[in-house]
Amino acid sequence: MRITRNIPTVSLTLALTWLVALPVSADDALPTGEQIMENYVKSTGGKDAYQRIKNRVIKGEMSMMGSKMGDFERTGAVPNKMFMQMKSPMSGDMMQGYDGETVWMSHPMMGSQILTGEQADQLKREAYFNREVEWRKIYKTVKCLELTELDGIPCYAVELTPNTGKPMTAYFEKDTWLQRGMKMKVQSQMGESEITVLFKNYKEVDGLLIPHELRQSFAGMENIMTITSVEHNVELPKDRFDVPQAVLDAAKKMEEQEKAATKPEGEKSGEK
């Protein structure tokens, strides 16, 4: 059975948020989207600090309604490789990854598959390493929409339109330029759902400010991802980003089944 890409990395954290617009006087000119993106890079450490990082390993815990649901580990590397594993005593191990060419996902109960289309595009964007600096390669337009409020914090709402896929809205704190949240729509086999993510508890790691708590609301559920450790420029296993053989086997089997299903009746029965 196929598994859908419905775990926002992605895969992250939950909490309901209310967006209340703040009035902006006629004299308050909004910054451009480009200015906000550049200020965000500077406020979190600067371009040079980002470019010194070649890979990152993040470990943490997932919780829902105050109860721990499991552990996660996410590894990313330049230019666009990613592997994430979630271990839960309730649902078992869930994995997803991108080796720079193939996007895949695996679940112990729902099976495995190679992802394509919009689901794959979503994960490819998340896998782009140092996308904070390389945002021009990911988004064709960035537009400041308004000064609003997210989680009680005055923020600039910036519409990010990717090269492929639907626009999303990022929220950057007015006074610090730190990103405080994101709203986006994701596609899965269950349809389209909207996700709201809050970024909290920024801490400095190797000269970069990184949020250590992500709260996410998704499909009527709430969960929290708490980061317990962040490591940079570590020695990784050579096969860290390889597509698992089980995923390749499942994809091959599915392809064979689809070919068999499209054969004329005569060919299926061996008739000439």
Protein backbone atom coordinates (compact mmCIF):
# COMPACT_ATOMS: atom_id res chain seq x y z
CA MET A 1 0.00 0.00 0.00
CA ARG A 2 1.27 3.48 -0.71
CA ILE A 3 2.14 5.91 2.03
CA THR A 4 1.33 9.55 1.61
CA ARG A 5 3.53 12.48 2.36
CA ASN A 6 1.31 13.85 5.11
CA ILE A 7 3.82 14.25 7.89
CA PRO A 8 5.09 17.81 7.66
CA THR A 9 8.57 17.92 8.29
CA VAL A 10 9.19 17.66 7.06
CA SER A 11 7.63 16.92 9.97
CA LEU A 12 7.36 19.34 12.84
CA THR A 13 5.08 20.73 15.65
CA LEU A 14 1.55 21.79 16.61
CA ALA A 15 -0.54 24.39 18.33
CA LEU A 16 -3.57 26.38 17.24
CA THR A 17 -2.82 30.00 16.43
CA TRP A 18 -4.96 33.01 15.84
CA LEU A 19 -3.96 35.64 13.29
CA VAL A 20 -5.23 39.11 14.12
CA ALA A 21 -4.37 41.94 11.76
CA LEU A 22 -2.72 45.02 13.25
CA PRO A 23 -3.57 48.43 11.77
CA VAL A 24 -0.77 50.03 9.80
CA SER A 25 -0.76 53.79 9.43
CA ALA A 26 -0.39 55.37 6.03
CA ASP A 27 3.08 56.60 7.07
CA ASP A 28 4.33 53.08 7.82
CA ALA A 29 5.73 51.75 4.57
CA LEU A 30 6.05 47.99 4.52
CA PRO A 31 9.50 46.56 3.79
CA THR A 32 9.82 44.53 0.62
CA GLY A 33 9.80 40.77 0.76
CA GLU A 34 13.43 40.77 -0.37
CA GLN A 35 14.44 43.10 2.48
CA ILE A 36 12.72 40.88 5.02
CA MET A 37 14.42 37.73 3.73
CA GLU A 38 17.84 39.40 3.82
CA ASN A 39 17.26 40.78 7.32
CA TYR A 40 16.19 37.33 8.48
CA VAL A 41 19.51 35.86 7.29
CA LYS A 42 21.44 38.60 9.07
CA SER A 43 19.46 38.28 12.31
CA THR A 44 20.03 34.53 12.53
CA GLY A 45 23.78 34.63 11.99
CA GLY A 46 24.61 35.95 8.55
CA LYS A 47 25.40 34.44 5.15
CA ASP A 48 28.95 33.40 6.04
CA ALA A 49 27.79 31.46 9.10
CA TYR A 50 25.24 29.56 7.02
CA GLN A 51 27.72 28.74 4.28
CA ARG A 52 30.21 27.29 6.76
CA ILE A 53 27.66 24.57 7.56
CA LYS A 54 27.76 21.58 5.19
CA ASN A 55 25.48 19.20 7.07
CA ARG A 56 23.21 19.16 10.10
CA VAL A 57 21.88 16.44 12.39
CA ILE A 58 18.86 17.34 14.53
CA LYS A 59 17.46 15.08 17.23
CA GLY A 60 14.39 15.58 19.34
CA GLU A 61 11.11 14.39 20.78
CA MET A 62 7.52 14.50 19.54
CA SER A 63 4.61 15.05 21.90
CA MET A 64 0.86 15.45 21.69
CA MET A 65 -1.49 16.67 24.41
CA GLY A 66 1.37 16.63 26.92
CA SER A 67 2.38 13.02 26.23
CA LYS A 68 5.54 11.91 24.46
CA MET A 69 4.76 10.13 21.20
CA GLY A 70 8.27 9.23 20.08
CA ASP A 71 11.68 10.45 18.92
CA PHE A 72 12.90 11.87 15.64
CA GLU A 73 16.19 12.46 13.87
CA ARG A 74 16.64 14.62 10.80
CA THR A 75 19.84 14.81 8.74
CA GLY A 76 20.40 17.32 5.97
CA ALA A 77 23.41 18.03 3.76
CA VAL A 78 24.45 20.27 0.89
CA PRO A 79 23.14 20.84 -1.63
CA ASN A 80 19.74 19.20 -1.22
CA LYS A 81 19.87 15.88 0.61
CA MET A 82 17.66 14.88 3.52
CA PHE A 83 16.82 11.87 5.68
CA MET A 84 14.31 11.84 8.52
CA GLN A 85 13.29 9.02 10.82
CA MET A 86 10.55 9.01 13.44
CA LYS A 87 10.39 6.25 16.03
CA SER A 88 7.16 5.72 17.91
CA PRO A 89 6.16 2.77 20.12
CA MET A 90 2.62 3.29 18.87
CA SER A 91 3.13 3.39 15.10
CA GLY A 92 6.64 2.06 14.61
CA ASP A 93 9.39 3.65 12.52
CA MET A 94 8.47 6.10 9.79
CA MET A 95 11.08 7.37 7.32
CA GLN A 96 11.32 9.81 4.45
CA GLY A 97 14.20 11.10 2.40
CA TYR A 98 15.64 12.68 -0.71
CA ASP A 99 19.00 11.74 -2.22
CA GLY A 100 19.02 14.62 -4.67
CA GLU A 101 17.10 12.64 -7.29
CA THR A 102 14.48 10.43 -5.66
CA VAL A 103 11.93 11.38 -3.02
CA TRP A 104 10.63 8.48 -0.96
CA MET A 105 8.71 7.55 2.17
CA SER A 106 8.29 4.35 4.17
CA HIS A 107 5.89 3.27 6.93
CA PRO A 108 5.83 -0.14 8.67
CA MET A 109 2.05 -0.51 8.39
CA MET A 110 1.21 1.45 5.25
CA GLY A 111 4.10 0.38 3.08
CA SER A 112 6.59 2.35 1.00
CA GLN A 113 6.68 4.38 -2.18
CA ILE A 114 8.65 6.76 -4.32
CA LEU A 115 6.89 10.12 -4.31
CA THR A 116 6.22 12.25 -7.36
CA GLY A 117 4.29 15.40 -8.24
CA GLU A 118 3.32 17.97 -5.66
CA GLN A 119 4.14 15.75 -2.69
CA ALA A 120 7.69 15.30 -3.99
CA ASP A 121 8.05 19.02 -4.68
CA GLN A 122 7.15 19.81 -1.08
CA LEU A 123 9.83 17.55 0.29
CA LYS A 124 12.43 18.79 -2.20
CA ARG A 125 11.95 22.34 -0.94
CA GLU A 126 12.36 21.19 2.65
CA ALA A 127 15.51 19.26 1.70
CA TYR A 128 17.24 22.27 0.13
CA PHE A 129 20.09 22.90 2.56
CA ASN A 130 20.74 26.47 3.70
CA ARG A 131 17.57 27.55 1.93
CA GLU A 132 17.57 30.57 4.23
CA VAL A 133 20.44 31.93 2.12
CA GLU A 134 19.51 30.31 -1.19
CA TRP A 135 15.85 31.36 -1.13
CA ARG A 136 16.09 32.97 -4.58
CA LYS A 137 16.66 29.52 -6.08
CA ILE A 138 13.51 28.14 -4.44
CA TYR A 139 10.97 30.98 -4.69
CA LYS A 140 10.17 32.92 -7.82
CA THR A 141 8.53 35.74 -5.84
CA VAL A 142 8.55 36.93 -2.20
CA LYS A 143 5.97 39.57 -1.35
CA CYS A 144 5.29 41.35 1.94
CA LEU A 145 1.51 41.32 2.39
CA GLU A 146 0.90 43.12 5.65
CA LEU A 147 1.86 43.77 9.23
CA THR A 148 -0.15 41.32 11.31
CA GLU A 149 0.06 39.37 14.55
CA LEU A 150 0.99 35.72 15.02
CA ASP A 151 0.87 34.11 18.46
CA GLY A 152 0.70 37.57 20.01
CA ILE A 153 3.82 38.80 18.18
CA PRO A 154 3.75 41.64 15.60
CA CYS A 155 4.97 40.07 12.36
CA TYR A 156 5.34 40.81 8.69
CA ALA A 157 3.42 38.29 6.59
CA VAL A 158 5.42 37.35 3.50
CA GLU A 159 3.93 35.34 0.65
CA LEU A 160 6.51 32.91 -0.73
CA THR A 161 5.70 31.55 -4.18
CA PRO A 162 7.89 28.54 -5.04
CA ASN A 163 9.04 27.67 -8.54
CA THR A 164 6.60 24.77 -8.41
CA GLY A 165 3.66 24.37 -6.07
CA LYS A 166 1.31 26.61 -4.13
CA PRO A 167 2.27 29.83 -2.31
CA MET A 168 2.87 29.76 1.44
CA THR A 169 3.00 32.52 4.02
CA ALA A 170 5.93 33.06 6.38
CA TYR A 171 5.77 35.33 9.41
CA PHE A 172 8.80 37.38 10.52
CA GLU A 173 8.88 39.29 13.79
CA LYS A 174 8.77 43.04 13.22
CA ASP A 175 11.42 43.93 15.79
CA THR A 176 13.90 41.05 15.44
CA TRP A 177 13.30 39.69 11.90
CA LEU A 178 13.21 36.15 13.32
CA GLN A 179 10.77 33.81 11.61
CA ARG A 180 7.94 33.08 14.00
CA GLY A 181 5.71 30.89 11.89
CA MET A 182 4.52 29.50 8.59
CA LYS A 183 1.16 28.71 7.01
CA MET A 184 1.01 26.40 4.02
CA LYS A 185 -1.17 23.92 2.20
CA VAL A 186 0.13 20.42 1.64
CA GLN A 187 -1.13 17.73 -0.70
CA SER A 188 -1.54 14.07 0.22
CA GLN A 189 -3.66 11.16 -0.94
CA MET A 190 -6.25 12.33 1.59
CA GLY A 191 -6.48 15.68 -0.14
CA GLU A 192 -5.25 19.16 0.64
CA SER A 193 -4.71 20.28 4.23
CA GLU A 194 -3.53 23.53 5.76
CA ILE A 195 -0.66 23.54 8.26
CA THR A 196 0.27 26.26 10.72
CA VAL A 197 3.72 26.01 12.31
CA LEU A 198 5.09 28.18 15.11
CA PHE A 199 8.85 28.55 15.62
CA LYS A 200 9.86 29.06 19.25
CA ASN A 201 12.81 28.99 21.65
CA TYR A 202 15.62 30.16 19.38
CA LYS A 203 19.10 29.11 20.56
CA GLU A 204 22.55 29.76 19.12
CA VAL A 205 24.36 26.78 17.63
CA ASP A 206 27.71 27.36 15.88
CA GLY A 207 26.88 31.00 15.24
CA LEU A 208 23.34 30.40 13.96
CA LEU A 209 20.06 31.02 15.76
CA ILE A 210 17.90 27.90 15.40
CA PRO A 211 14.38 27.37 16.80
CA HIS A 212 14.32 24.47 19.25
CA GLU A 213 10.56 24.10 19.50
CA LEU A 214 8.09 23.79 16.65
CA ARG A 215 4.36 23.74 17.25
CA GLN A 216 2.18 22.60 14.41
CA SER A 217 -1.54 22.39 13.75
CA PHE A 218 -2.47 19.92 11.04
CA ALA A 219 -5.71 18.19 10.07
CA GLY A 220 -7.37 19.08 13.36
CA MET A 221 -4.47 17.69 15.42
CA GLU A 222 -1.81 19.35 17.52
CA ASN A 223 1.72 18.20 18.25
CA ILE A 224 5.06 19.59 19.38
CA MET A 225 8.56 18.79 18.22
CA THR A 226 11.18 19.68 20.80
CA ILE A 227 14.77 19.71 19.57
CA THR A 228 17.23 18.27 22.09
CA SER A 229 20.45 18.50 20.05
CA VAL A 230 21.83 20.09 16.89
CA GLU A 231 25.19 19.08 15.37
CA HIS A 232 26.93 20.55 12.35
CA ASN A 233 29.59 19.28 9.96
CA VAL A 234 29.59 15.77 11.38
CA GLU A 235 30.93 12.64 9.71
CA LEU A 236 27.95 10.87 8.15
CA PRO A 237 27.59 7.26 6.99
CA LYS A 238 28.23 7.02 3.25
CA ASP A 239 24.80 5.52 2.68
CA ARG A 240 22.90 7.99 4.86
CA PHE A 241 20.85 9.38 1.97
CA ASP A 242 20.54 6.23 -0.14
CA VAL A 243 17.03 5.11 -1.05
CA PRO A 244 16.34 1.94 0.99
CA GLN A 245 16.25 -1.27 -1.02
CA ALA A 246 12.80 -2.05 0.38
CA VAL A 247 11.49 1.17 -1.18
CA LEU A 248 13.08 0.38 -4.54
CA ASP A 249 11.63 -3.15 -4.45
CA ALA A 250 8.16 -1.82 -3.62
CA ALA A 251 8.38 0.71 -6.45
CA LYS A 252 9.45 -1.98 -8.94
CA LYS A 253 6.63 -4.28 -7.88
CA MET A 254 4.09 -1.49 -8.24
CA GLU A 255 5.40 -0.62 -11.69
CA GLU A 256 5.07 -4.25 -12.79
CA GLN A 257 1.50 -4.39 -11.46
CA GLU A 258 0.57 -1.20 -13.30
CA LYS A 259 2.02 -2.53 -16.56
CA ALA A 260 0.14 -5.80 -16.15
CA ALA A 261 -3.10 -3.93 -15.50
CA THR A 262 -2.78 -2.00 -18.77
CA LYS A 263 -2.13 -5.03 -20.98
CA PRO A 264 -4.87 -6.12 -23.43
CA GLU A 265 -6.91 -9.09 -22.25
CA GLY A 266 -5.35 -11.36 -24.85
CA GLU A 267 -1.82 -10.65 -23.63
CA LYS A 268 -2.84 -11.20 -20.01
CA SER A 269 -4.20 -14.69 -20.75
CA GLY A 270 -1.39 -15.61 -23.12
CA GLU A 271 -3.69 -15.67 -26.17
CA LYS A 272 -2.41 -14.69 -29.62
